[in-house]
Structure formats: C-alpha cells, structure tokens
Amino acid sequence: MKKENESPREKEGVEESSPHVAYRYSDAELEEFREIIHNRLETARKELQYLQSTIRGKDEHGQDDVSERRLTIEDGSAAMELEQMGQLAARQIQFINNLEKALLRINNKTYGICRKTGKLIDKARLRAVPHATLSIEAKKGGA
C-alpha cells in the first residue's frame, strides 16, 4: 500500500534509517566506477614503476667517481631532478593508495557518498576524480 507522503527514496524501496547514508549508487554504476579505477590503477602503477627505475638509474649513474670530480652546475641540476622525481613518485604512491581505498569503498557499497554531507557525489566528479570522498559542495566549504 502506497503512502501519500512517501519520499522519493521510500518509493524506490531505499530505507531512510540514517540521514547520512540513505542512498547509494547501483551495483551496475559501482561496476562502471570499478573499471575506471582499475584502469587508472594500471596506468598509475606503470608510471610509478617508470619513475622508480629512472630514479634508481640516475642514482646508480650519478654517483660514479663523485669524490674525484669537482662539483659542477650539472651535478646540482641532476640532484634537483632526482629530488623532483622522488616527489613525483611519492605523489604517485599516494594516488595509488587513494584508488585502492576507493575500491574498498566500492566493495563496501559506500563509494560515491560524500563523507561530509552524506549525499551522493556527482558522477561527473567521480569519473574525473575517482578517489573523491567529498562532493564539490563539501570541498568548497558550503556544506
């Protein structure tokens, strides 16, 4: 029997027991996001592997006979480049960790729910930033 004052969520058969997690993406939508995340993870891991191998190569070749050479501008540039690559690798590791956490949220069926407002994060945002945990509204401080 249908109630006259039913909310849209009740009409869809979704319980409103919690004001923060009242709705979620469907299993089909979660699968779409899982695929996006897996593709991003594959790319991110390849980039990290490249950065790490480049860092190892620069370190191995950059340290040859340092004690017998005078320091030159190129030595400083190489050290700065090596530091920048290390920072890029650290960012890539963090990105991979965030994507892996997003996969856990998909498995728990909590993916795409803003941790601040409890509302669904827009699909376009999740496609652009699949590890997002805040809606645009919450990120801007409006929530």
C-alpha atoms as a PDB file:
ATOM      1  CA  MET A   1       0.000   0.000   0.000  1.00  0.00           C
ATOM      2  CA  LYS A   2       1.371   3.395  -1.022  1.00  0.00           C
ATOM      3  CA  LYS A   3       1.619   6.275   1.427  1.00  0.00           C
ATOM      4  CA  GLU A   4       0.727   9.741   0.188  1.00  0.00           C
ATOM      5  CA  ASN A   5       3.684  11.449   1.880  1.00  0.00           C
ATOM      6  CA  GLU A   6       6.315   8.971   0.722  1.00  0.00           C
ATOM      7  CA  SER A   7       9.732  10.404  -0.007  1.00  0.00           C
ATOM      8  CA  PRO A   8      11.372   9.579  -3.362  1.00  0.00           C
ATOM      9  CA  ARG A   9      13.761   7.231  -1.538  1.00  0.00           C
ATOM     10  CA  GLU A  10      10.913   5.321   0.078  1.00  0.00           C
ATOM     11  CA  LYS A  11       9.209   4.986  -3.319  1.00  0.00           C
ATOM     12  CA  GLU A  12      12.423   3.404  -4.637  1.00  0.00           C
ATOM     13  CA  GLY A  13      12.492   0.999  -1.700  1.00  0.00           C
ATOM     14  CA  VAL A  14      15.528   2.596  -0.057  1.00  0.00           C
ATOM     15  CA  GLU A  15      15.438   2.856   3.698  1.00  0.00           C
ATOM     16  CA  GLU A  16      15.923   6.232   5.343  1.00  0.00           C
ATOM     17  CA  SER A  17      17.303   4.893   8.610  1.00  0.00           C
ATOM     18  CA  SER A  18      20.435   7.063   8.515  1.00  0.00           C
ATOM     19  CA  PRO A  19      20.341  10.689   7.412  1.00  0.00           C
ATOM     20  CA  HIS A  20      23.916  10.473   6.079  1.00  0.00           C
ATOM     21  CA  VAL A  21      23.935   7.245   4.073  1.00  0.00           C
ATOM     22  CA  ALA A  22      20.413   6.994   2.775  1.00  0.00           C
ATOM     23  CA  TYR A  23      21.185   6.263  -0.865  1.00  0.00           C
ATOM     24  CA  ARG A  24      23.996   4.721  -2.861  1.00  0.00           C
ATOM     25  CA  TYR A  25      24.974   4.034  -6.442  1.00  0.00           C
ATOM     26  CA  SER A  26      23.565   0.869  -8.029  1.00  0.00           C
ATOM     27  CA  ASP A  27      25.719  -2.213  -8.466  1.00  0.00           C
ATOM     28  CA  ALA A  28      25.944  -1.520 -12.222  1.00  0.00           C
ATOM     29  CA  GLU A  29      27.146   2.031 -11.546  1.00  0.00           C
ATOM     30  CA  LEU A  30      29.660   0.751  -8.990  1.00  0.00           C
ATOM     31  CA  GLU A  31      30.988  -1.667 -11.620  1.00  0.00           C
ATOM     32  CA  GLU A  32      31.471   1.240 -14.030  1.00  0.00           C
ATOM     33  CA  PHE A  33      33.499   3.082 -11.381  1.00  0.00           C
ATOM     34  CA  ARG A  34      35.429  -0.105 -10.522  1.00  0.00           C
ATOM     35  CA  GLU A  35      36.519  -0.356 -14.168  1.00  0.00           C
ATOM     36  CA  ILE A  36      37.566   3.305 -14.245  1.00  0.00           C
ATOM     37  CA  ILE A  37      39.584   2.836 -11.064  1.00  0.00           C
ATOM     38  CA  HIS A  38      41.241  -0.370 -12.297  1.00  0.00           C
ATOM     39  CA  ASN A  39      42.311   1.434 -15.493  1.00  0.00           C
ATOM     40  CA  ARG A  40      43.696   4.377 -13.511  1.00  0.00           C
ATOM     41  CA  LEU A  41      45.488   1.991 -11.141  1.00  0.00           C
ATOM     42  CA  GLU A  42      47.149   0.155 -14.011  1.00  0.00           C
ATOM     43  CA  THR A  43      48.378   3.423 -15.527  1.00  0.00           C
ATOM     44  CA  ALA A  44      49.492   4.810 -12.140  1.00  0.00           C
ATOM     45  CA  ARG A  45      51.452   1.654 -11.298  1.00  0.00           C
ATOM     46  CA  LYS A  46      53.237   1.762 -14.666  1.00  0.00           C
ATOM     47  CA  GLU A  47      54.128   5.424 -14.124  1.00  0.00           C
ATOM     48  CA  LEU A  48      55.400   4.671 -10.622  1.00  0.00           C
ATOM     49  CA  GLN A  49      57.495   1.790 -11.928  1.00  0.00           C
ATOM     50  CA  TYR A  50      58.986   4.089 -14.585  1.00  0.00           C
ATOM     51  CA  LEU A  51      59.768   6.799 -12.019  1.00  0.00           C
ATOM     52  CA  GLN A  52      61.360   4.318  -9.628  1.00  0.00           C
ATOM     53  CA  SER A  53      63.505   2.739 -12.341  1.00  0.00           C
ATOM     54  CA  THR A  54      64.567   6.194 -13.557  1.00  0.00           C
ATOM     55  CA  ILE A  55      65.458   7.236 -10.010  1.00  0.00           C
ATOM     56  CA  ARG A  56      67.494   4.047  -9.499  1.00  0.00           C
ATOM     57  CA  GLY A  57      69.243   4.581 -12.840  1.00  0.00           C
ATOM     58  CA  LYS A  58      70.081   8.213 -12.102  1.00  0.00           C
ATOM     59  CA  ASP A  59      71.303   7.299  -8.637  1.00  0.00           C
ATOM     60  CA  GLU A  60      73.494   4.486  -9.945  1.00  0.00           C
ATOM     61  CA  HIS A  61      74.972   6.578 -12.744  1.00  0.00           C
ATOM     62  CA  GLY A  62      75.028   9.877 -10.890  1.00  0.00           C
ATOM     63  CA  GLN A  63      77.209   8.633  -8.063  1.00  0.00           C
ATOM     64  CA  ASP A  64      80.151   7.383 -10.179  1.00  0.00           C
ATOM     65  CA  ASP A  65      83.508   8.835  -9.107  1.00  0.00           C
ATOM     66  CA  VAL A  66      81.921  11.783  -7.313  1.00  0.00           C
ATOM     67  CA  SER A  67      84.852  12.099  -4.942  1.00  0.00           C
ATOM     68  CA  GLU A  68      87.292  12.634  -7.831  1.00  0.00           C
ATOM     69  CA  ARG A  69      85.229  15.278  -9.652  1.00  0.00           C
ATOM     70  CA  ARG A  70      84.624  18.902  -8.912  1.00  0.00           C
ATOM     71  CA  LEU A  71      81.025  19.798  -8.318  1.00  0.00           C
ATOM     72  CA  THR A  72      79.519  21.455 -11.350  1.00  0.00           C
ATOM     73  CA  ILE A  73      76.223  23.092 -12.158  1.00  0.00           C
ATOM     74  CA  GLU A  74      75.173  19.853 -13.835  1.00  0.00           C
ATOM     75  CA  ASP A  75      75.645  17.988 -10.536  1.00  0.00           C
ATOM     76  CA  GLY A  76      73.259  20.369  -8.821  1.00  0.00           C
ATOM     77  CA  SER A  77      70.757  20.067 -11.649  1.00  0.00           C
ATOM     78  CA  ALA A  78      70.923  16.286 -11.511  1.00  0.00           C
ATOM     79  CA  ALA A  79      70.366  16.309  -7.757  1.00  0.00           C
ATOM     80  CA  MET A  80      67.392  18.642  -8.121  1.00  0.00           C
ATOM     81  CA  GLU A  81      65.926  16.499 -10.899  1.00  0.00           C
ATOM     82  CA  LEU A  82      66.371  13.395  -8.752  1.00  0.00           C
ATOM     83  CA  GLU A  83      64.585  15.119  -5.850  1.00  0.00           C
ATOM     84  CA  GLN A  84      61.712  16.169  -8.105  1.00  0.00           C
ATOM     85  CA  MET A  85      61.347  12.632  -9.420  1.00  0.00           C
ATOM     86  CA  GLY A  86      61.280  11.376  -5.836  1.00  0.00           C
ATOM     87  CA  GLN A  87      58.459  13.804  -5.063  1.00  0.00           C
ATOM     88  CA  LEU A  88      56.551  12.668  -8.155  1.00  0.00           C
ATOM     89  CA  ALA A  89      56.981   9.044  -7.080  1.00  0.00           C
ATOM     90  CA  ALA A  90      55.695   9.860  -3.575  1.00  0.00           C
ATOM     91  CA  ARG A  91      52.627  11.557  -5.076  1.00  0.00           C
ATOM     92  CA  GLN A  92      52.057   8.574  -7.335  1.00  0.00           C
ATOM     93  CA  ILE A  93      52.202   6.210  -4.340  1.00  0.00           C
ATOM     94  CA  GLN A  94      49.610   8.344  -2.530  1.00  0.00           C
ATOM     95  CA  PHE A  95      47.401   8.369  -5.646  1.00  0.00           C
ATOM     96  CA  ILE A  96      47.601   4.560  -5.867  1.00  0.00           C
ATOM     97  CA  ASN A  97      46.694   4.265  -2.166  1.00  0.00           C
ATOM     98  CA  ASN A  98      43.691   6.554  -2.679  1.00  0.00           C
ATOM     99  CA  LEU A  99      42.498   4.494  -5.650  1.00  0.00           C
ATOM    100  CA  GLU A 100      42.870   1.272  -3.646  1.00  0.00           C
ATOM    101  CA  LYS A 101      40.797   2.803  -0.832  1.00  0.00           C
ATOM    102  CA  ALA A 102      38.147   3.735  -3.406  1.00  0.00           C
ATOM    103  CA  LEU A 103      37.991   0.073  -4.466  1.00  0.00           C
ATOM    104  CA  LEU A 104      37.396  -0.878  -0.824  1.00  0.00           C
ATOM    105  CA  ARG A 105      34.526   1.617  -0.678  1.00  0.00           C
ATOM    106  CA  ILE A 106      33.068   0.034  -3.807  1.00  0.00           C
ATOM    107  CA  ASN A 107      33.277  -3.391  -2.170  1.00  0.00           C
ATOM    108  CA  ASN A 108      31.581  -1.962   0.934  1.00  0.00           C
ATOM    109  CA  LYS A 109      28.991  -0.215  -1.272  1.00  0.00           C
ATOM    110  CA  THR A 110      29.815   3.152   0.308  1.00  0.00           C
ATOM    111  CA  TYR A 111      31.581   4.504  -2.766  1.00  0.00           C
ATOM    112  CA  GLY A 112      30.426   7.861  -4.057  1.00  0.00           C
ATOM    113  CA  ILE A 113      28.896   9.046  -0.809  1.00  0.00           C
ATOM    114  CA  CYS A 114      30.281  12.366   0.426  1.00  0.00           C
ATOM    115  CA  ARG A 115      31.893  11.841   3.827  1.00  0.00           C
ATOM    116  CA  LYS A 116      30.847  15.326   4.909  1.00  0.00           C
ATOM    117  CA  THR A 117      27.281  15.704   3.614  1.00  0.00           C
ATOM    118  CA  GLY A 118      26.212  12.068   3.195  1.00  0.00           C
ATOM    119  CA  LYS A 119      24.880  12.887  -0.267  1.00  0.00           C
ATOM    120  CA  LEU A 120      25.919  11.250  -3.497  1.00  0.00           C
ATOM    121  CA  ILE A 121      28.959  12.747  -5.176  1.00  0.00           C
ATOM    122  CA  ASP A 122      28.167  13.735  -8.755  1.00  0.00           C
ATOM    123  CA  LYS A 123      29.045  11.057 -11.334  1.00  0.00           C
ATOM    124  CA  ALA A 124      30.998  13.538 -13.455  1.00  0.00           C
ATOM    125  CA  ARG A 125      33.207  14.336 -10.455  1.00  0.00           C
ATOM    126  CA  LEU A 126      33.784  10.649  -9.726  1.00  0.00           C
ATOM    127  CA  ARG A 127      34.677   9.989 -13.355  1.00  0.00           C
ATOM    128  CA  ALA A 128      37.224  12.825 -13.227  1.00  0.00           C
ATOM    129  CA  VAL A 129      38.474  12.110  -9.680  1.00  0.00           C
ATOM    130  CA  PRO A 130      37.502   8.501  -8.948  1.00  0.00           C
ATOM    131  CA  HIS A 131      39.008   8.547  -5.463  1.00  0.00           C
ATOM    132  CA  ALA A 132      36.999  11.626  -4.376  1.00  0.00           C
ATOM    133  CA  THR A 133      35.398  11.390  -0.933  1.00  0.00           C
ATOM    134  CA  LEU A 134      33.880  14.879  -0.901  1.00  0.00           C
ATOM    135  CA  SER A 135      31.278  16.445  -3.138  1.00  0.00           C
ATOM    136  CA  ILE A 136      32.107  19.751  -4.802  1.00  0.00           C
ATOM    137  CA  GLU A 137      29.738  21.441  -2.352  1.00  0.00           C
ATOM    138  CA  ALA A 138      31.571  19.998   0.650  1.00  0.00           C
ATOM    139  CA  LYS A 139      35.009  20.655  -0.844  1.00  0.00           C
ATOM    140  CA  LYS A 140      34.171  24.329  -1.339  1.00  0.00           C
ATOM    141  CA  GLY A 141      33.006  24.505   2.265  1.00  0.00           C
ATOM    142  CA  GLY A 142      29.344  25.047   1.511  1.00  0.00           C
ATOM    143  CA  ALA A 143      28.202  22.027   3.459  1.00  0.00           C
END
